Amino acid sequence: RALGEVTKFLVYNARKRQTGGDSAANYFLRTECVAGVQDMRFQEL
């Protein structure tokens, strides 16, 4: 999502290690906690 692979893999770890497991309910939240945003692809261009 234009965040880069390092950030993506950090998010993977955060998702898998959170209480309750890798839940769809917290999918975007864990990305935002690590990266500050959910997505930086910005499809405007």
PDB file of all heavy atoms in Angstrom:
ATOM      1  N   ARG A   1       0.831  -1.212   0.000  1.00  0.00           N
ATOM      2  CA  ARG A   1       0.000   0.000   0.000  1.00  0.00           C
ATOM      3  C   ARG A   1       0.862   1.257   0.000  1.00  0.00           C
ATOM      4  O   ARG A   1       0.514   2.272   0.598  1.00  0.00           O
ATOM      5  CB  ARG A   1      -0.950   0.026   1.200  1.00  0.00           C
ATOM      6  CG  ARG A   1      -1.934  -1.110   1.238  1.00  0.00           C
ATOM      7  CD  ARG A   1      -2.925  -0.918   2.367  1.00  0.00           C
ATOM      8  NE  ARG A   1      -3.602  -2.165   2.644  1.00  0.00           N
ATOM      9  CZ  ARG A   1      -4.134  -2.476   3.819  1.00  0.00           C
ATOM     10  NH1 ARG A   1      -4.058  -1.630   4.821  1.00  0.00           N
ATOM     11  NH2 ARG A   1      -4.735  -3.625   3.983  1.00  0.00           N
ATOM     12  N   ALA A   2       2.013   1.161  -0.635  1.00  0.00           N
ATOM     13  CA  ALA A   2       2.999   2.239  -0.717  1.00  0.00           C
ATOM     14  C   ALA A   2       3.607   2.570   0.640  1.00  0.00           C
ATOM     15  O   ALA A   2       4.244   3.612   0.805  1.00  0.00           O
ATOM     16  CB  ALA A   2       2.405   3.496  -1.358  1.00  0.00           C
ATOM     17  N   LEU A   3       3.459   1.661   1.585  1.00  0.00           N
ATOM     18  CA  LEU A   3       4.094   1.818   2.891  1.00  0.00           C
ATOM     19  C   LEU A   3       5.450   1.123   2.921  1.00  0.00           C
ATOM     20  O   LEU A   3       6.268   1.395   3.799  1.00  0.00           O
ATOM     21  CB  LEU A   3       3.203   1.233   3.995  1.00  0.00           C
ATOM     22  CG  LEU A   3       1.796   1.821   4.121  1.00  0.00           C
ATOM     23  CD1 LEU A   3       0.954   0.988   5.081  1.00  0.00           C
ATOM     24  CD2 LEU A   3       1.864   3.260   4.580  1.00  0.00           C
ATOM     25  N   GLY A   4       5.683   0.212   1.986  1.00  0.00           N
ATOM     26  CA  GLY A   4       6.931  -0.534   1.925  1.00  0.00           C
ATOM     27  C   GLY A   4       6.829  -1.872   2.640  1.00  0.00           C
ATOM     28  O   GLY A   4       5.953  -2.091   3.486  1.00  0.00           O
ATOM     29  N   GLU A   5       7.740  -2.764   2.295  1.00  0.00           N
ATOM     30  CA  GLU A   5       7.674  -4.123   2.856  1.00  0.00           C
ATOM     31  C   GLU A   5       8.028  -4.178   4.331  1.00  0.00           C
ATOM     32  O   GLU A   5       7.478  -4.991   5.065  1.00  0.00           O
ATOM     33  CB  GLU A   5       8.591  -5.070   2.068  1.00  0.00           C
ATOM     34  CG  GLU A   5       7.903  -5.703   0.886  1.00  0.00           C
ATOM     35  CD  GLU A   5       8.615  -6.945   0.391  1.00  0.00           C
ATOM     36  OE1 GLU A   5       9.853  -6.911   0.266  1.00  0.00           O
ATOM     37  OE2 GLU A   5       7.929  -7.942   0.115  1.00  0.00           O
ATOM     38  N   VAL A   6       8.963  -3.350   4.796  1.00  0.00           N
ATOM     39  CA  VAL A   6       9.309  -3.387   6.221  1.00  0.00           C
ATOM     40  C   VAL A   6       8.077  -3.056   7.056  1.00  0.00           C
ATOM     41  O   VAL A   6       7.729  -3.773   8.002  1.00  0.00           O
ATOM     42  CB  VAL A   6      10.461  -2.409   6.530  1.00  0.00           C
ATOM     43  CG1 VAL A   6      10.639  -2.249   8.040  1.00  0.00           C
ATOM     44  CG2 VAL A   6      11.763  -2.910   5.914  1.00  0.00           C
ATOM     45  N   THR A   7       7.403  -1.964   6.705  1.00  0.00           N
ATOM     46  CA  THR A   7       6.188  -1.599   7.429  1.00  0.00           C
ATOM     47  C   THR A   7       5.130  -2.681   7.305  1.00  0.00           C
ATOM     48  O   THR A   7       4.447  -3.027   8.276  1.00  0.00           O
ATOM     49  CB  THR A   7       5.634  -0.261   6.894  1.00  0.00           C
ATOM     50  OG1 THR A   7       6.589   0.769   7.151  1.00  0.00           O
ATOM     51  CG2 THR A   7       4.319   0.100   7.567  1.00  0.00           C
ATOM     52  N   LYS A   8       4.994  -3.248   6.112  1.00  0.00           N
ATOM     53  CA  LYS A   8       3.988  -4.298   5.905  1.00  0.00           C
ATOM     54  C   LYS A   8       4.242  -5.494   6.798  1.00  0.00           C
ATOM     55  O   LYS A   8       3.309  -6.037   7.414  1.00  0.00           O
ATOM     56  CB  LYS A   8       3.973  -4.724   4.437  1.00  0.00           C
ATOM     57  CG  LYS A   8       2.911  -5.777   4.124  1.00  0.00           C
ATOM     58  CD  LYS A   8       2.671  -5.929   2.638  1.00  0.00           C
ATOM     59  CE  LYS A   8       3.750  -6.694   1.940  1.00  0.00           C
ATOM     60  NZ  LYS A   8       3.367  -7.047   0.546  1.00  0.00           N
ATOM     61  N   PHE A   9       5.507  -5.920   6.898  1.00  0.00           N
ATOM     62  CA  PHE A   9       5.809  -7.085   7.729  1.00  0.00           C
ATOM     63  C   PHE A   9       5.637  -6.773   9.215  1.00  0.00           C
ATOM     64  O   PHE A   9       5.247  -7.643  10.003  1.00  0.00           O
ATOM     65  CB  PHE A   9       7.234  -7.576   7.453  1.00  0.00           C
ATOM     66  CG  PHE A   9       7.417  -8.200   6.091  1.00  0.00           C
ATOM     67  CD1 PHE A   9       6.376  -8.245   5.176  1.00  0.00           C
ATOM     68  CD2 PHE A   9       8.641  -8.728   5.721  1.00  0.00           C
ATOM     69  CE1 PHE A   9       6.537  -8.816   3.923  1.00  0.00           C
ATOM     70  CE2 PHE A   9       8.824  -9.308   4.467  1.00  0.00           C
ATOM     71  CZ  PHE A   9       7.767  -9.347   3.567  1.00  0.00           C
ATOM     72  N   LEU A  10       5.934  -5.541   9.621  1.00  0.00           N
ATOM     73  CA  LEU A  10       5.673  -5.143  11.003  1.00  0.00           C
ATOM     74  C   LEU A  10       4.181  -5.230  11.315  1.00  0.00           C
ATOM     75  O   LEU A  10       3.781  -5.682  12.399  1.00  0.00           O
ATOM     76  CB  LEU A  10       6.167  -3.709  11.250  1.00  0.00           C
ATOM     77  CG  LEU A  10       7.679  -3.470  11.183  1.00  0.00           C
ATOM     78  CD1 LEU A  10       7.986  -1.988  11.312  1.00  0.00           C
ATOM     79  CD2 LEU A  10       8.415  -4.264  12.258  1.00  0.00           C
ATOM     80  N   VAL A  11       3.379  -4.807  10.358  1.00  0.00           N
ATOM     81  CA  VAL A  11       1.920  -4.891  10.522  1.00  0.00           C
ATOM     82  C   VAL A  11       1.485  -6.347  10.623  1.00  0.00           C
ATOM     83  O   VAL A  11       0.624  -6.694  11.451  1.00  0.00           O
ATOM     84  CB  VAL A  11       1.198  -4.179   9.359  1.00  0.00           C
ATOM     85  CG1 VAL A  11      -0.303  -4.467   9.395  1.00  0.00           C
ATOM     86  CG2 VAL A  11       1.445  -2.679   9.411  1.00  0.00           C
ATOM     87  N   TYR A  12       2.057  -7.219   9.793  1.00  0.00           N
ATOM     88  CA  TYR A  12       1.726  -8.641   9.883  1.00  0.00           C
ATOM     89  C   TYR A  12       1.967  -9.159  11.298  1.00  0.00           C
ATOM     90  O   TYR A  12       1.123  -9.863  11.868  1.00  0.00           O
ATOM     91  CB  TYR A  12       2.579  -9.450   8.905  1.00  0.00           C
ATOM     92  CG  TYR A  12       2.222  -9.308   7.447  1.00  0.00           C
ATOM     93  CD1 TYR A  12       3.075  -9.808   6.463  1.00  0.00           C
ATOM     94  CD2 TYR A  12       1.039  -8.700   7.037  1.00  0.00           C
ATOM     95  CE1 TYR A  12       2.761  -9.700   5.111  1.00  0.00           C
ATOM     96  CE2 TYR A  12       0.720  -8.581   5.694  1.00  0.00           C
ATOM     97  CZ  TYR A  12       1.589  -9.076   4.733  1.00  0.00           C
ATOM     98  OH  TYR A  12       1.273  -8.968   3.403  1.00  0.00           O
ATOM     99  N   ASN A  13       3.130  -8.839  11.849  1.00  0.00           N
ATOM    100  CA  ASN A  13       3.438  -9.295  13.202  1.00  0.00           C
ATOM    101  C   ASN A  13       2.447  -8.743  14.217  1.00  0.00           C
ATOM    102  O   ASN A  13       1.985  -9.468  15.111  1.00  0.00           O
ATOM    103  CB  ASN A  13       4.858  -8.878  13.592  1.00  0.00           C
ATOM    104  CG  ASN A  13       5.924  -9.693  12.888  1.00  0.00           C
ATOM    105  OD1 ASN A  13       5.631 -10.740  12.310  1.00  0.00           O
ATOM    106  ND2 ASN A  13       7.158  -9.220  12.932  1.00  0.00           N
ATOM    107  N   ALA A  14       2.131  -7.460  14.095  1.00  0.00           N
ATOM    108  CA  ALA A  14       1.191  -6.839  15.028  1.00  0.00           C
ATOM    109  C   ALA A  14      -0.188  -7.484  14.930  1.00  0.00           C
ATOM    110  O   ALA A  14      -0.858  -7.700  15.948  1.00  0.00           O
ATOM    111  CB  ALA A  14       1.096  -5.336  14.754  1.00  0.00           C
ATOM    112  N   ARG A  15      -0.617  -7.785  13.715  1.00  0.00           N
ATOM    113  CA  ARG A  15      -1.917  -8.428  13.536  1.00  0.00           C
ATOM    114  C   ARG A  15      -1.940  -9.815  14.157  1.00  0.00           C
ATOM    115  O   ARG A  15      -2.898 -10.193  14.853  1.00  0.00           O
ATOM    116  CB  ARG A  15      -2.238  -8.537  12.039  1.00  0.00           C
ATOM    117  CG  ARG A  15      -2.722  -7.271  11.390  1.00  0.00           C
ATOM    118  CD  ARG A  15      -2.805  -7.417   9.883  1.00  0.00           C
ATOM    119  NE  ARG A  15      -3.514  -8.620   9.468  1.00  0.00           N
ATOM    120  CZ  ARG A  15      -3.603  -9.044   8.204  1.00  0.00           C
ATOM    121  NH1 ARG A  15      -3.008  -8.340   7.235  1.00  0.00           N
ATOM    122  NH2 ARG A  15      -4.260 -10.141   7.908  1.00  0.00           N
ATOM    123  N   LYS A  16      -0.889 -10.581  13.921  1.00  0.00           N
ATOM    124  CA  LYS A  16      -0.881 -11.973  14.370  1.00  0.00           C
ATOM    125  C   LYS A  16      -0.704 -12.099  15.887  1.00  0.00           C
ATOM    126  O   LYS A  16      -1.134 -13.096  16.481  1.00  0.00           O
ATOM    127  CB  LYS A  16       0.247 -12.737  13.673  1.00  0.00           C
ATOM    128  CG  LYS A  16       0.134 -12.806  12.143  1.00  0.00           C
ATOM    129  CD  LYS A  16      -1.051 -13.615  11.683  1.00  0.00           C
ATOM    130  CE  LYS A  16      -1.066 -13.795  10.174  1.00  0.00           C
ATOM    131  NZ  LYS A  16      -2.246 -14.566   9.712  1.00  0.00           N
ATOM    132  N   ARG A  17      -0.054 -11.089  16.513  1.00  0.00           N
ATOM    133  CA  ARG A  17       0.251 -11.181  17.946  1.00  0.00           C
ATOM    134  C   ARG A  17      -0.756 -10.467  18.838  1.00  0.00           C
ATOM    135  O   ARG A  17      -0.660 -10.545  20.062  1.00  0.00           O
ATOM    136  CB  ARG A  17       1.647 -10.594  18.203  1.00  0.00           C
ATOM    137  CG  ARG A  17       2.779 -11.469  17.713  1.00  0.00           C
ATOM    138  CD  ARG A  17       4.086 -10.736  17.776  1.00  0.00           C
ATOM    139  NE  ARG A  17       5.229 -11.598  17.491  1.00  0.00           N
ATOM    140  CZ  ARG A  17       6.410 -11.170  17.069  1.00  0.00           C
ATOM    141  NH1 ARG A  17       6.609  -9.857  16.878  1.00  0.00           N
ATOM    142  NH2 ARG A  17       7.388 -12.012  16.838  1.00  0.00           N
ATOM    143  N   GLN A  18      -1.717  -9.771  18.259  1.00  0.00           N
ATOM    144  CA  GLN A  18      -2.660  -9.021  19.082  1.00  0.00           C
ATOM    145  C   GLN A  18      -3.582  -9.969  19.848  1.00  0.00           C
ATOM    146  O   GLN A  18      -3.810 -11.117  19.445  1.00  0.00           O
ATOM    147  CB  GLN A  18      -3.480  -8.078  18.223  1.00  0.00           C
ATOM    148  CG  GLN A  18      -4.408  -8.757  17.236  1.00  0.00           C
ATOM    149  CD  GLN A  18      -5.103  -7.783  16.313  1.00  0.00           C
ATOM    150  OE1 GLN A  18      -5.476  -6.695  16.736  1.00  0.00           O
ATOM    151  NE2 GLN A  18      -5.271  -8.153  15.055  1.00  0.00           N
ATOM    152  N   THR A  19      -4.119  -9.471  20.948  1.00  0.00           N
ATOM    153  CA  THR A  19      -5.048 -10.259  21.752  1.00  0.00           C
ATOM    154  C   THR A  19      -6.266 -10.633  20.918  1.00  0.00           C
ATOM    155  O   THR A  19      -6.872  -9.790  20.275  1.00  0.00           O
ATOM    156  CB  THR A  19      -5.504  -9.454  22.979  1.00  0.00           C
ATOM    157  OG1 THR A  19      -4.362  -9.081  23.760  1.00  0.00           O
ATOM    158  CG2 THR A  19      -6.458 -10.273  23.835  1.00  0.00           C
ATOM    159  N   GLY A  20      -6.583 -11.904  20.892  1.00  0.00           N
ATOM    160  CA  GLY A  20      -7.712 -12.364  20.094  1.00  0.00           C
ATOM    161  C   GLY A  20      -7.324 -12.833  18.710  1.00  0.00           C
ATOM    162  O   GLY A  20      -8.173 -13.322  17.955  1.00  0.00           O
ATOM    163  N   GLY A  21      -6.045 -12.656  18.350  1.00  0.00           N
ATOM    164  CA  GLY A  21      -5.577 -13.136  17.061  1.00  0.00           C
ATOM    165  C   GLY A  21      -5.808 -12.148  15.925  1.00  0.00           C
ATOM    166  O   GLY A  21      -6.241 -11.005  16.134  1.00  0.00           O
ATOM    167  N   ASP A  22      -5.523 -12.602  14.714  1.00  0.00           N
ATOM    168  CA  ASP A  22      -5.604 -11.769  13.511  1.00  0.00           C
ATOM    169  C   ASP A  22      -7.057 -11.645  13.073  1.00  0.00           C
ATOM    170  O   ASP A  22      -7.531 -12.375  12.211  1.00  0.00           O
ATOM    171  CB  ASP A  22      -4.748 -12.396  12.411  1.00  0.00           C
ATOM    172  CG  ASP A  22      -4.679 -11.535  11.157  1.00  0.00           C
ATOM    173  OD1 ASP A  22      -5.075 -10.351  11.221  1.00  0.00           O
ATOM    174  OD2 ASP A  22      -4.230 -12.042  10.106  1.00  0.00           O
ATOM    175  N   SER A  23      -7.753 -10.688  13.662  1.00  0.00           N
ATOM    176  CA  SER A  23      -9.184 -10.541  13.437  1.00  0.00           C
ATOM    177  C   SER A  23      -9.487  -9.550  12.324  1.00  0.00           C
ATOM    178  O   SER A  23      -8.856  -8.492  12.224  1.00  0.00           O
ATOM    179  CB  SER A  23      -9.864 -10.074  14.732  1.00  0.00           C
ATOM    180  OG  SER A  23     -11.190  -9.655  14.491  1.00  0.00           O
ATOM    181  N   ALA A  24     -10.472  -9.873  11.486  1.00  0.00           N
ATOM    182  CA  ALA A  24     -10.902  -8.959  10.426  1.00  0.00           C
ATOM    183  C   ALA A  24     -11.432  -7.655  11.007  1.00  0.00           C
ATOM    184  O   ALA A  24     -11.356  -6.604  10.371  1.00  0.00           O
ATOM    185  CB  ALA A  24     -11.976  -9.635   9.571  1.00  0.00           C
ATOM    186  N   ALA A  25     -11.944  -7.703  12.226  1.00  0.00           N
ATOM    187  CA  ALA A  25     -12.492  -6.506  12.856  1.00  0.00           C
ATOM    188  C   ALA A  25     -11.416  -5.463  13.132  1.00  0.00           C
ATOM    189  O   ALA A  25     -11.700  -4.257  13.178  1.00  0.00           O
ATOM    190  CB  ALA A  25     -13.202  -6.881  14.154  1.00  0.00           C
ATOM    191  N   ASN A  26     -10.166  -5.910  13.309  1.00  0.00           N
ATOM    192  CA  ASN A  26      -9.055  -4.989  13.609  1.00  0.00           C
ATOM    193  C   ASN A  26      -8.060  -4.877  12.458  1.00  0.00           C
ATOM    194  O   ASN A  26      -6.950  -4.382  12.643  1.00  0.00           O
ATOM    195  CB  ASN A  26      -8.314  -5.459  14.871  1.00  0.00           C
ATOM    196  CG  ASN A  26      -9.173  -5.368  16.110  1.00  0.00           C
ATOM    197  OD1 ASN A  26      -9.992  -4.451  16.236  1.00  0.00           O
ATOM    198  ND2 ASN A  26      -9.009  -6.321  17.015  1.00  0.00           N
ATOM    199  N   TYR A  27      -8.447  -5.320  11.270  1.00  0.00           N
ATOM    200  CA  TYR A  27      -7.527  -5.382  10.131  1.00  0.00           C
ATOM    201  C   TYR A  27      -6.899  -4.026   9.823  1.00  0.00           C
ATOM    202  O   TYR A  27      -5.675  -3.889   9.750  1.00  0.00           O
ATOM    203  CB  TYR A  27      -8.279  -5.914   8.911  1.00  0.00           C
ATOM    204  CG  TYR A  27      -7.488  -5.893   7.629  1.00  0.00           C
ATOM    205  CD1 TYR A  27      -6.552  -6.881   7.351  1.00  0.00           C
ATOM    206  CD2 TYR A  27      -7.688  -4.894   6.681  1.00  0.00           C
ATOM    207  CE1 TYR A  27      -5.821  -6.868   6.177  1.00  0.00           C
ATOM    208  CE2 TYR A  27      -6.972  -4.874   5.497  1.00  0.00           C
ATOM    209  CZ  TYR A  27      -6.043  -5.860   5.257  1.00  0.00           C
ATOM    210  OH  TYR A  27      -5.319  -5.834   4.087  1.00  0.00           O
ATOM    211  N   PHE A  28      -7.708  -3.003   9.648  1.00  0.00           N
ATOM    212  CA  PHE A  28      -7.181  -1.687   9.297  1.00  0.00           C
ATOM    213  C   PHE A  28      -6.548  -0.987  10.502  1.00  0.00           C
ATOM    214  O   PHE A  28      -5.609  -0.204  10.343  1.00  0.00           O
ATOM    215  CB  PHE A  28      -8.294  -0.815   8.711  1.00  0.00           C
ATOM    216  CG  PHE A  28      -8.750  -1.247   7.349  1.00  0.00           C
ATOM    217  CD1 PHE A  28      -9.973  -1.871   7.175  1.00  0.00           C
ATOM    218  CD2 PHE A  28      -7.944  -1.049   6.237  1.00  0.00           C
ATOM    219  CE1 PHE A  28     -10.396  -2.271   5.926  1.00  0.00           C
ATOM    220  CE2 PHE A  28      -8.358  -1.452   4.970  1.00  0.00           C
ATOM    221  CZ  PHE A  28      -9.592  -2.065   4.815  1.00  0.00           C
ATOM    222  N   LEU A  29      -7.054  -1.267  11.702  1.00  0.00           N
ATOM    223  CA  LEU A  29      -6.540  -0.616  12.905  1.00  0.00           C
ATOM    224  C   LEU A  29      -5.070  -0.913  13.122  1.00  0.00           C
ATOM    225  O   LEU A  29      -4.280  -0.017  13.446  1.00  0.00           O
ATOM    226  CB  LEU A  29      -7.348  -1.067  14.129  1.00  0.00           C
ATOM    227  CG  LEU A  29      -6.864  -0.525  15.482  1.00  0.00           C
ATOM    228  CD1 LEU A  29      -6.967   0.995  15.524  1.00  0.00           C
ATOM    229  CD2 LEU A  29      -7.662  -1.158  16.624  1.00  0.00           C
ATOM    230  N   ARG A  30      -4.673  -2.166  12.919  1.00  0.00           N
ATOM    231  CA  ARG A  30      -3.274  -2.524  13.176  1.00  0.00           C
ATOM    232  C   ARG A  30      -2.350  -1.843  12.163  1.00  0.00           C
ATOM    233  O   ARG A  30      -1.236  -1.449  12.502  1.00  0.00           O
ATOM    234  CB  ARG A  30      -3.086  -4.044  13.105  1.00  0.00           C
ATOM    235  CG  ARG A  30      -3.845  -4.823  14.161  1.00  0.00           C
ATOM    236  CD  ARG A  30      -3.699  -4.220  15.547  1.00  0.00           C
ATOM    237  NE  ARG A  30      -2.299  -4.103  15.943  1.00  0.00           N
ATOM    238  CZ  ARG A  30      -1.853  -3.220  16.832  1.00  0.00           C
ATOM    239  NH1 ARG A  30      -2.674  -2.350  17.378  1.00  0.00           N
ATOM    240  NH2 ARG A  30      -0.574  -3.205  17.150  1.00  0.00           N
ATOM    241  N   THR A  31      -2.790  -1.689  10.925  1.00  0.00           N
ATOM    242  CA  THR A  31      -1.989  -0.957   9.946  1.00  0.00           C
ATOM    243  C   THR A  31      -1.813   0.487  10.369  1.00  0.00           C
ATOM    244  O   THR A  31      -0.712   1.042  10.325  1.00  0.00           O
ATOM    245  CB  THR A  31      -2.658  -1.002   8.560  1.00  0.00           C
ATOM    246  OG1 THR A  31      -2.812  -2.365   8.156  1.00  0.00           O
ATOM    247  CG2 THR A  31      -1.810  -0.268   7.526  1.00  0.00           C
ATOM    248  N   GLU A  32      -2.894   1.106  10.800  1.00  0.00           N
ATOM    249  CA  GLU A  32      -2.842   2.518  11.175  1.00  0.00           C
ATOM    250  C   GLU A  32      -1.983   2.728  12.416  1.00  0.00           C
ATOM    251  O   GLU A  32      -1.299   3.747  12.536  1.00  0.00           O
ATOM    252  CB  GLU A  32      -4.264   3.032  11.408  1.00  0.00           C
ATOM    253  CG  GLU A  32      -4.358   4.535  11.456  1.00  0.00           C
ATOM    254  CD  GLU A  32      -5.779   5.035  11.334  1.00  0.00           C
ATOM    255  OE1 GLU A  32      -6.682   4.221  11.070  1.00  0.00           O
ATOM    256  OE2 GLU A  32      -5.975   6.248  11.492  1.00  0.00           O
ATOM    257  N   CYS A  33      -2.007   1.767  13.355  1.00  0.00           N
ATOM    258  CA  CYS A  33      -1.185   1.898  14.565  1.00  0.00           C
ATOM    259  C   CYS A  33       0.301   1.921  14.222  1.00  0.00           C
ATOM    260  O   CYS A  33       1.082   2.657  14.834  1.00  0.00           O
ATOM    261  CB  CYS A  33      -1.482   0.745  15.526  1.00  0.00           C
ATOM    262  SG  CYS A  33      -3.077   0.859  16.353  1.00  0.00           S
ATOM    263  N   VAL A  34       0.705   1.115  13.246  1.00  0.00           N
ATOM    264  CA  VAL A  34       2.120   1.042  12.870  1.00  0.00           C
ATOM    265  C   VAL A  34       2.504   2.169  11.915  1.00  0.00           C
ATOM    266  O   VAL A  34       3.508   2.865  12.109  1.00  0.00           O
ATOM    267  CB  VAL A  34       2.446  -0.323  12.226  1.00  0.00           C
ATOM    268  CG1 VAL A  34       3.896  -0.350  11.726  1.00  0.00           C
ATOM    269  CG2 VAL A  34       2.209  -1.452  13.216  1.00  0.00           C
ATOM    270  N   ALA A  35       1.703   2.374  10.872  1.00  0.00           N
ATOM    271  CA  ALA A  35       2.076   3.295   9.794  1.00  0.00           C
ATOM    272  C   ALA A  35       1.540   4.707   9.968  1.00  0.00           C
ATOM    273  O   ALA A  35       2.034   5.642   9.325  1.00  0.00           O
ATOM    274  CB  ALA A  35       1.591   2.735   8.460  1.00  0.00           C
ATOM    275  N   GLY A  36       0.513   4.863  10.784  1.00  0.00           N
ATOM    276  CA  GLY A  36      -0.092   6.180  10.949  1.00  0.00           C
ATOM    277  C   GLY A  36      -1.250   6.423  10.008  1.00  0.00           C
ATOM    278  O   GLY A  36      -2.058   7.321  10.227  1.00  0.00           O
ATOM    279  N   VAL A  37      -1.321   5.633   8.935  1.00  0.00           N
ATOM    280  CA  VAL A  37      -2.423   5.701   7.973  1.00  0.00           C
ATOM    281  C   VAL A  37      -2.775   4.278   7.559  1.00  0.00           C
ATOM    282  O   VAL A  37      -1.984   3.352   7.734  1.00  0.00           O
ATOM    283  CB  VAL A  37      -2.059   6.522   6.713  1.00  0.00           C
ATOM    284  CG1 VAL A  37      -1.813   7.982   7.055  1.00  0.00           C
ATOM    285  CG2 VAL A  37      -0.845   5.933   6.010  1.00  0.00           C
ATOM    286  N   GLN A  38      -3.960   4.113   6.993  1.00  0.00           N
ATOM    287  CA  GLN A  38      -4.354   2.794   6.504  1.00  0.00           C
ATOM    288  C   GLN A  38      -3.734   2.476   5.157  1.00  0.00           C
ATOM    289  O   GLN A  38      -3.471   1.322   4.842  1.00  0.00           O
ATOM    290  CB  GLN A  38      -5.887   2.718   6.390  1.00  0.00           C
ATOM    291  CG  GLN A  38      -6.615   2.786   7.713  1.00  0.00           C
ATOM    292  CD  GLN A  38      -8.121   2.668   7.546  1.00  0.00           C
ATOM    293  OE1 GLN A  38      -8.613   2.459   6.441  1.00  0.00           O
ATOM    294  NE2 GLN A  38      -8.847   2.792   8.635  1.00  0.00           N
ATOM    295  N   ASP A  39      -3.493   3.507   4.359  1.00  0.00           N
ATOM    296  CA  ASP A  39      -3.105   3.287   2.968  1.00  0.00           C
ATOM    297  C   ASP A  39      -2.443   4.551   2.448  1.00  0.00           C
ATOM    298  O   ASP A  39      -2.931   5.659   2.703  1.00  0.00           O
ATOM    299  CB  ASP A  39      -4.365   2.966   2.145  1.00  0.00           C
ATOM    300  CG  ASP A  39      -4.073   2.351   0.786  1.00  0.00           C
ATOM    301  OD1 ASP A  39      -3.070   2.743   0.167  1.00  0.00           O
ATOM    302  OD2 ASP A  39      -4.864   1.505   0.344  1.00  0.00           O
ATOM    303  N   MET A  40      -1.322   4.415   1.719  1.00  0.00           N
ATOM    304  CA  MET A  40      -0.680   5.588   1.123  1.00  0.00           C
ATOM    305  C   MET A  40      -0.554   5.459  -0.398  1.00  0.00           C
ATOM    306  O   MET A  40       0.259   6.129  -1.016  1.00  0.00           O
ATOM    307  CB  MET A  40       0.712   5.829   1.737  1.00  0.00           C
ATOM    308  CG  MET A  40       0.659   6.361   3.151  1.00  0.00           C
ATOM    309  SD  MET A  40       2.144   7.213   3.724  1.00  0.00           S
ATOM    310  CE  MET A  40       3.411   6.005   3.443  1.00  0.00           C
ATOM    311  N   ARG A  41      -1.375   4.615  -0.994  1.00  0.00           N
ATOM    312  CA  ARG A  41      -1.295   4.462  -2.452  1.00  0.00           C
ATOM    313  C   ARG A  41      -1.889   5.655  -3.185  1.00  0.00           C
ATOM    314  O   ARG A  41      -1.500   5.949  -4.300  1.00  0.00           O
ATOM    315  CB  ARG A  41      -2.010   3.172  -2.881  1.00  0.00           C
ATOM    316  CG  ARG A  41      -1.235   1.928  -2.562  1.00  0.00           C
ATOM    317  CD  ARG A  41      -2.027   0.690  -2.894  1.00  0.00           C
ATOM    318  NE  ARG A  41      -3.168   0.518  -1.989  1.00  0.00           N
ATOM    319  CZ  ARG A  41      -4.017  -0.502  -2.066  1.00  0.00           C
ATOM    320  NH1 ARG A  41      -3.867  -1.410  -3.008  1.00  0.00           N
ATOM    321  NH2 ARG A  41      -5.011  -0.596  -1.203  1.00  0.00           N
ATOM    322  N   PHE A  42      -2.845   6.327  -2.583  1.00  0.00           N
ATOM    323  CA  PHE A  42      -3.416   7.541  -3.156  1.00  0.00           C
ATOM    324  C   PHE A  42      -3.677   7.387  -4.654  1.00  0.00           C
ATOM    325  O   PHE A  42      -2.861   7.739  -5.488  1.00  0.00           O
ATOM    326  CB  PHE A  42      -2.505   8.746  -2.903  1.00  0.00           C
ATOM    327  CG  PHE A  42      -2.273   9.019  -1.444  1.00  0.00           C
ATOM    328  CD1 PHE A  42      -0.992   9.012  -0.927  1.00  0.00           C
ATOM    329  CD2 PHE A  42      -3.333   9.269  -0.599  1.00  0.00           C
ATOM    330  CE1 PHE A  42      -0.770   9.257   0.422  1.00  0.00           C
ATOM    331  CE2 PHE A  42      -3.120   9.512   0.751  1.00  0.00           C
ATOM    332  CZ  PHE A  42      -1.837   9.505   1.269  1.00  0.00           C
ATOM    333  N   GLN A  43      -4.838   6.884  -4.986  1.00  0.00           N
ATOM    334  CA  GLN A  43      -5.153   6.547  -6.374  1.00  0.00           C
ATOM    335  C   GLN A  43      -5.430   7.764  -7.259  1.00  0.00           C
ATOM    336  O   GLN A  43      -5.763   7.617  -8.432  1.00  0.00           O
ATOM    337  CB  GLN A  43      -6.356   5.596  -6.403  1.00  0.00           C
ATOM    338  CG  GLN A  43      -6.172   4.314  -5.602  1.00  0.00           C
ATOM    339  CD  GLN A  43      -5.064   3.419  -6.134  1.00  0.00           C
ATOM    340  OE1 GLN A  43      -4.591   3.589  -7.258  1.00  0.00           O
ATOM    341  NE2 GLN A  43      -4.630   2.458  -5.330  1.00  0.00           N
ATOM    342  N   GLU A  44      -5.276   8.968  -6.712  1.00  0.00           N
ATOM    343  CA  GLU A  44      -5.556  10.171  -7.490  1.00  0.00           C
ATOM    344  C   GLU A  44      -4.763  10.245  -8.795  1.00  0.00           C
ATOM    345  O   GLU A  44      -5.246  10.786  -9.794  1.00  0.00           O
ATOM    346  CB  GLU A  44      -5.272  11.424  -6.656  1.00  0.00           C
ATOM    347  CG  GLU A  44      -6.299  11.730  -5.587  1.00  0.00           C
ATOM    348  CD  GLU A  44      -6.034  11.014  -4.282  1.00  0.00           C
ATOM    349  OE1 GLU A  44      -5.188  10.085  -4.249  1.00  0.00           O
ATOM    350  OE2 GLU A  44      -6.671  11.368  -3.268  1.00  0.00           O
ATOM    351  N   LEU A  45      -3.534   9.734  -8.791  1.00  0.00           N
ATOM    352  CA  LEU A  45      -2.691   9.806  -9.987  1.00  0.00           C
ATOM    353  C   LEU A  45      -2.845   8.592 -10.900  1.00  0.00           C
ATOM    354  O   LEU A  45      -2.394   8.618 -12.046  1.00  0.00           O
ATOM    355  CB  LEU A  45      -1.220   9.955  -9.587  1.00  0.00           C
ATOM    356  CG  LEU A  45      -0.872  11.162  -8.713  1.00  0.00           C
ATOM    357  CD1 LEU A  45       0.615  11.148  -8.361  1.00  0.00           C
ATOM    358  CD2 LEU A  45      -1.239  12.465  -9.397  1.00  0.00           C
TER     359      LEU A  45
END
